[in-house]
Amino acid sequence: MSALIKSAKSIIPTLDRVLVQRIKAPQKTASGIYIPEKNQQKNNLATVIAVGPGFTGSNGEVIKPSVAAGDKVMVPPHGGTTIEIEKEEYVLLRDSDILAKIQE
């Protein structure tokens, strides 16, 4: 499937789904010691790449996602659908799975 996908920009989420890319965890400590990849913790912070248009609620009202492309968010350590494009990892998940929006 990933052979058909040329870039993350070609992925347009549907309904209330959100495409995010996790912010890479530091590869070395503050003192300069490198952390092996298998010992690095998965970062729960991510950048929103693309957002779906929302979904229609039971009352007929369109409910839009609470985030927009470019937002920094906190996501759960597991869940969503992982997509690898050109050696970069992205996660497709529902807007309701996002734990928090980070204000800078």
C-alpha atoms as a PDB file:
ATOM      1  CA  MET A   1       0.000   0.000   0.000  1.00  0.00           C
ATOM      2  CA  SER A   2       2.756   2.485   0.855  1.00  0.00           C
ATOM      3  CA  ALA A   3       4.104   2.127  -2.705  1.00  0.00           C
ATOM      4  CA  LEU A   4       0.961   3.921  -3.922  1.00  0.00           C
ATOM      5  CA  ILE A   5       1.403   6.801  -1.473  1.00  0.00           C
ATOM      6  CA  LYS A   6       3.951   9.317  -2.740  1.00  0.00           C
ATOM      7  CA  SER A   7       3.916  11.723   0.225  1.00  0.00           C
ATOM      8  CA  ALA A   8       2.040  12.485   3.433  1.00  0.00           C
ATOM      9  CA  LYS A   9       0.348  15.408   1.657  1.00  0.00           C
ATOM     10  CA  SER A  10      -1.422  12.926  -0.632  1.00  0.00           C
ATOM     11  CA  ILE A  11      -3.260  11.434   2.381  1.00  0.00           C
ATOM     12  CA  ILE A  12      -6.582  13.168   3.021  1.00  0.00           C
ATOM     13  CA  PRO A  13      -8.253  11.839   6.197  1.00  0.00           C
ATOM     14  CA  THR A  14     -11.983  11.111   6.111  1.00  0.00           C
ATOM     15  CA  LEU A  15     -14.644  11.982   8.682  1.00  0.00           C
ATOM     16  CA  ASP A  16     -13.074  12.871  12.056  1.00  0.00           C
ATOM     17  CA  ARG A  17      -9.703  11.263  11.407  1.00  0.00           C
ATOM     18  CA  VAL A  18      -6.417  13.098  11.909  1.00  0.00           C
ATOM     19  CA  LEU A  19      -2.991  12.336  10.409  1.00  0.00           C
ATOM     20  CA  VAL A  20      -0.126  13.110  12.815  1.00  0.00           C
ATOM     21  CA  GLN A  21       3.626  12.640  12.879  1.00  0.00           C
ATOM     22  CA  ARG A  22       5.221  11.967  16.237  1.00  0.00           C
ATOM     23  CA  ILE A  23       7.928  14.406  17.258  1.00  0.00           C
ATOM     24  CA  LYS A  24      11.161  12.441  17.405  1.00  0.00           C
ATOM     25  CA  ALA A  25      12.497  11.696  20.881  1.00  0.00           C
ATOM     26  CA  PRO A  26      15.982  13.014  21.680  1.00  0.00           C
ATOM     27  CA  GLN A  27      18.696  10.626  20.532  1.00  0.00           C
ATOM     28  CA  LYS A  28      21.165  11.709  23.178  1.00  0.00           C
ATOM     29  CA  THR A  29      21.058  12.910  26.760  1.00  0.00           C
ATOM     30  CA  ALA A  30      21.798  16.470  27.863  1.00  0.00           C
ATOM     31  CA  SER A  31      25.340  15.348  28.740  1.00  0.00           C
ATOM     32  CA  GLY A  32      25.904  14.024  25.186  1.00  0.00           C
ATOM     33  CA  ILE A  33      25.446  10.262  25.719  1.00  0.00           C
ATOM     34  CA  TYR A  34      23.689   8.601  22.758  1.00  0.00           C
ATOM     35  CA  ILE A  35      20.592   6.543  23.574  1.00  0.00           C
ATOM     36  CA  PRO A  36      20.232   3.313  21.554  1.00  0.00           C
ATOM     37  CA  GLU A  37      17.100   3.335  19.362  1.00  0.00           C
ATOM     38  CA  LYS A  38      15.608   0.292  21.109  1.00  0.00           C
ATOM     39  CA  ASN A  39      15.854   2.108  24.477  1.00  0.00           C
ATOM     40  CA  GLN A  40      14.297   5.365  23.265  1.00  0.00           C
ATOM     41  CA  GLN A  41      10.870   6.063  24.649  1.00  0.00           C
ATOM     42  CA  LYS A  42       8.000   6.673  22.199  1.00  0.00           C
ATOM     43  CA  ASN A  43       7.191  10.358  22.261  1.00  0.00           C
ATOM     44  CA  ASN A  44       3.542  11.226  22.960  1.00  0.00           C
ATOM     45  CA  LEU A  45       3.866  14.626  21.284  1.00  0.00           C
ATOM     46  CA  ALA A  46       2.961  14.938  17.611  1.00  0.00           C
ATOM     47  CA  THR A  47       2.374  17.476  14.874  1.00  0.00           C
ATOM     48  CA  VAL A  48      -0.939  17.410  13.007  1.00  0.00           C
ATOM     49  CA  ILE A  49      -0.315  16.944   9.275  1.00  0.00           C
ATOM     50  CA  ALA A  50      -3.887  16.725   7.914  1.00  0.00           C
ATOM     51  CA  VAL A  51      -7.445  16.728   9.295  1.00  0.00           C
ATOM     52  CA  GLY A  52     -10.675  15.254   7.949  1.00  0.00           C
ATOM     53  CA  PRO A  53     -13.802  17.398   7.427  1.00  0.00           C
ATOM     54  CA  GLY A  54     -15.709  15.995  10.421  1.00  0.00           C
ATOM     55  CA  PHE A  55     -18.773  13.797  10.723  1.00  0.00           C
ATOM     56  CA  THR A  56     -22.519  14.307  10.926  1.00  0.00           C
ATOM     57  CA  GLY A  57     -23.957  13.841  14.421  1.00  0.00           C
ATOM     58  CA  SER A  58     -27.301  12.246  15.245  1.00  0.00           C
ATOM     59  CA  ASN A  59     -29.005  15.669  15.088  1.00  0.00           C
ATOM     60  CA  GLY A  60     -27.705  16.325  11.554  1.00  0.00           C
ATOM     61  CA  GLU A  61     -25.106  18.864  12.664  1.00  0.00           C
ATOM     62  CA  VAL A  62     -21.552  18.551  11.274  1.00  0.00           C
ATOM     63  CA  ILE A  63     -19.060  18.049  14.102  1.00  0.00           C
ATOM     64  CA  LYS A  64     -15.630  19.273  13.015  1.00  0.00           C
ATOM     65  CA  PRO A  65     -12.354  17.991  14.519  1.00  0.00           C
ATOM     66  CA  SER A  66     -10.922  20.090  17.349  1.00  0.00           C
ATOM     67  CA  VAL A  67      -7.450  20.386  15.794  1.00  0.00           C
ATOM     68  CA  ALA A  68      -6.000  21.844  12.587  1.00  0.00           C
ATOM     69  CA  ALA A  69      -2.943  21.104  10.457  1.00  0.00           C
ATOM     70  CA  GLY A  70       0.194  22.411  12.172  1.00  0.00           C
ATOM     71  CA  ASP A  71      -1.129  22.024  15.742  1.00  0.00           C
ATOM     72  CA  LYS A  72       1.009  20.290  18.363  1.00  0.00           C
ATOM     73  CA  VAL A  73      -0.932  17.584  20.197  1.00  0.00           C
ATOM     74  CA  MET A  74      -0.486  14.853  22.790  1.00  0.00           C
ATOM     75  CA  VAL A  75      -1.452  11.386  21.537  1.00  0.00           C
ATOM     76  CA  PRO A  76      -1.648   8.014  23.292  1.00  0.00           C
ATOM     77  CA  PRO A  77       1.506   5.856  23.096  1.00  0.00           C
ATOM     78  CA  HIS A  78      -0.389   3.102  21.255  1.00  0.00           C
ATOM     79  CA  GLY A  79      -3.330   3.039  18.874  1.00  0.00           C
ATOM     80  CA  GLY A  80      -4.215   4.453  15.512  1.00  0.00           C
ATOM     81  CA  THR A  81      -2.985   3.146  12.170  1.00  0.00           C
ATOM     82  CA  THR A  82       0.727   3.518  11.493  1.00  0.00           C
ATOM     83  CA  ILE A  83       1.707   4.484   7.950  1.00  0.00           C
ATOM     84  CA  GLU A  84       5.316   4.571   6.717  1.00  0.00           C
ATOM     85  CA  ILE A  85       6.102   6.889   3.809  1.00  0.00           C
ATOM     86  CA  GLU A  86       9.669   7.389   2.581  1.00  0.00           C
ATOM     87  CA  LYS A  87      11.098   6.066   5.880  1.00  0.00           C
ATOM     88  CA  GLU A  88       8.969   8.543   7.897  1.00  0.00           C
ATOM     89  CA  GLU A  89       6.275   7.235  10.258  1.00  0.00           C
ATOM     90  CA  TYR A  90       2.805   8.783  10.487  1.00  0.00           C
ATOM     91  CA  VAL A  91      -0.231   7.786  12.577  1.00  0.00           C
ATOM     92  CA  LEU A  92      -3.860   8.056  11.452  1.00  0.00           C
ATOM     93  CA  LEU A  93      -6.276   8.277  14.390  1.00  0.00           C
ATOM     94  CA  ARG A  94      -9.657   9.705  15.364  1.00  0.00           C
ATOM     95  CA  ASP A  95      -9.961  13.240  16.707  1.00  0.00           C
ATOM     96  CA  SER A  96     -11.430  11.809  19.934  1.00  0.00           C
ATOM     97  CA  ASP A  97      -8.224   9.766  20.475  1.00  0.00           C
ATOM     98  CA  ILE A  98      -6.139  12.948  20.787  1.00  0.00           C
ATOM     99  CA  LEU A  99      -5.452  13.545  24.480  1.00  0.00           C
ATOM    100  CA  ALA A 100      -4.632  17.265  24.436  1.00  0.00           C
ATOM    101  CA  LYS A 101      -3.753  20.218  22.240  1.00  0.00           C
ATOM    102  CA  ILE A 102      -0.478  21.922  23.194  1.00  0.00           C
ATOM    103  CA  GLN A 103      -0.544  25.742  23.242  1.00  0.00           C
ATOM    104  CA  GLU A 104       2.787  27.415  22.664  1.00  0.00           C
END
